Every structure is written in C-alpha cells, then in structure tokens.
C-alpha cells in the first residue's frame, strides 16, 4: 500500500485523514459483509424465518400452517379422510 502511495504522490502524504480512510476501509468492509451473511453463518433473514415458522403448526397432509394446534389437527384429520381441504378450516390458516 505504501509503495502505491509513493508511486502516486512521489512521497508518503502527511494528511492523517487520508490514512484514516485507507485504514478504515477494510474494517468497514468486514462490518458490512457481516450483515449479508458472508461470515460463515446463516443469514439473519433465514434465522428469522425459521423462528417464525417454529411458532406455527403445520398440517402434514396439505402443508397449511396454523397458529393454533387444534386447527392443524382438524385440518390433518379432514385432509386424510376426504383427500381435500375444508374451507371452514382453511380460513384459520396463517397467510404468508
């Protein structure tokens, strides 16, 4: 880096602001990349989706999600018996 500065200006600049910007660039880049999930972990958005999905109960037959486990069980029983969905039950499903 110093060689590049010497090549461009002919000498090292004494302006401390320039050095501050040059030295802060990698740090700012690391902080920005952390919010994009490039740090080897799952992105925050995926963790939020998984956490919100854990709050709902899913009918294993049709895949609809319900906030109340009772409605999910009713939906599962209906789907298994009639191989279809009941509108009176599905109106309680959580909308995505």
Protein backbone atom coordinates (compact mmCIF):
# COMPACT_ATOMS: atom_id res chain seq x y z
CA UNK A 1 0.00 0.00 0.00
CA UNK A 2 2.80 2.40 0.90
CA UNK A 3 4.54 1.62 -2.39
CA UNK A 4 1.38 2.60 -4.28
CA UNK A 5 1.14 5.88 -2.38
CA UNK A 6 4.79 6.65 -3.04
CA UNK A 7 4.23 5.88 -6.74
CA UNK A 8 1.14 8.13 -6.98
CA UNK A 9 2.31 11.11 -4.89
CA UNK A 10 6.07 10.71 -5.09
CA UNK A 11 6.24 10.63 -1.28
CA UNK A 12 4.10 9.49 1.60
CA UNK A 13 1.31 12.01 2.31
CA UNK A 14 1.24 13.67 5.73
CA UNK A 15 -2.50 14.06 5.70
CA UNK A 16 -3.85 11.93 8.55
CA UNK A 17 -7.38 11.92 7.12
CA UNK A 18 -6.18 10.02 4.09
CA UNK A 19 -4.53 7.41 6.30
CA UNK A 20 -7.67 7.15 8.40
CA UNK A 21 -9.80 6.45 5.34
CA UNK A 22 -7.32 3.92 3.98
CA UNK A 23 -7.10 2.05 7.28
CA UNK A 24 -10.86 2.12 7.95
CA UNK A 25 -11.82 0.66 4.56
CA UNK A 26 -11.12 -2.99 5.49
CA UNK A 27 -12.87 -2.57 8.84
CA UNK A 28 -15.98 -1.06 7.25
CA UNK A 29 -15.98 -3.77 4.62
CA UNK A 30 -15.93 -6.51 7.30
CA UNK A 31 -18.80 -4.87 9.18
CA UNK A 32 -20.89 -4.54 6.02
CA UNK A 33 -20.26 -8.13 4.93
CA UNK A 34 -21.31 -9.42 8.34
CA UNK A 35 -24.88 -8.21 7.75
CA UNK A 36 -25.01 -10.09 4.42
CA UNK A 37 -24.34 -13.48 5.95
CA UNK A 38 -20.84 -13.83 4.47
CA UNK A 39 -19.30 -14.70 7.84
CA UNK A 40 -19.84 -18.46 7.54
CA UNK A 41 -23.12 -18.46 9.41
CA UNK A 42 -26.72 -18.44 8.30
CA UNK A 43 -28.06 -15.06 7.28
CA UNK A 44 -30.21 -13.24 9.82
CA UNK A 45 -33.18 -13.34 7.46
CA UNK A 46 -33.15 -17.14 7.40
CA UNK A 47 -32.93 -17.32 11.17
CA UNK A 48 -35.95 -15.02 11.45
CA UNK A 49 -37.93 -17.19 9.02
CA UNK A 50 -37.08 -20.33 10.96
CA UNK A 51 -38.03 -18.69 14.25
CA UNK A 52 -41.37 -17.51 12.87
CA UNK A 53 -42.06 -20.94 11.32
CA UNK A 54 -41.49 -22.58 14.72
CA UNK A 55 -44.45 -20.61 16.15
CA UNK A 56 -46.92 -22.27 13.78
CA UNK A 57 -48.32 -25.78 13.50
CA UNK A 58 -48.30 -27.35 10.04
CA UNK A 59 -50.77 -29.83 8.62
CA UNK A 60 -48.61 -32.70 7.30
CA UNK A 61 -51.15 -33.55 4.60
CA UNK A 62 -51.59 -30.21 2.83
CA UNK A 63 -48.82 -28.07 4.35
CA UNK A 64 -51.02 -25.24 5.63
CA UNK A 65 -49.81 -23.54 8.82
CA UNK A 66 -51.96 -22.66 11.81
CA UNK A 67 -51.30 -20.61 14.94
CA UNK A 68 -53.48 -22.97 16.99
CA UNK A 69 -52.57 -26.68 17.17
CA UNK A 70 -56.26 -27.60 17.33
CA UNK A 71 -56.92 -26.24 13.84
CA UNK A 72 -53.86 -28.06 12.50
CA UNK A 73 -55.16 -31.35 13.89
CA UNK A 74 -58.64 -30.73 12.46
CA UNK A 75 -57.11 -29.93 9.08
CA UNK A 76 -54.98 -33.08 9.17
CA UNK A 77 -57.99 -35.26 10.06
CA UNK A 78 -60.10 -33.72 7.28
CA UNK A 79 -57.35 -33.98 4.68
CA UNK A 80 -56.69 -37.64 5.49
CA UNK A 81 -60.35 -38.59 5.45
CA UNK A 82 -61.53 -36.68 2.36
CA UNK A 83 -58.24 -36.04 0.47
CA UNK A 84 -59.25 -32.38 0.14
CA UNK A 85 -59.31 -29.15 2.15
CA UNK A 86 -62.27 -27.75 4.07
CA UNK A 87 -62.85 -24.02 3.58
CA UNK A 88 -64.23 -23.65 7.10
CA UNK A 89 -60.93 -24.98 8.47
CA UNK A 90 -58.53 -23.38 6.00
CA UNK A 91 -59.85 -19.89 6.72
CA UNK A 92 -57.97 -20.18 10.04
CA UNK A 93 -54.67 -20.85 8.28
CA UNK A 94 -51.89 -18.29 8.59
CA UNK A 95 -51.42 -16.20 5.46
CA UNK A 96 -47.81 -15.84 4.27
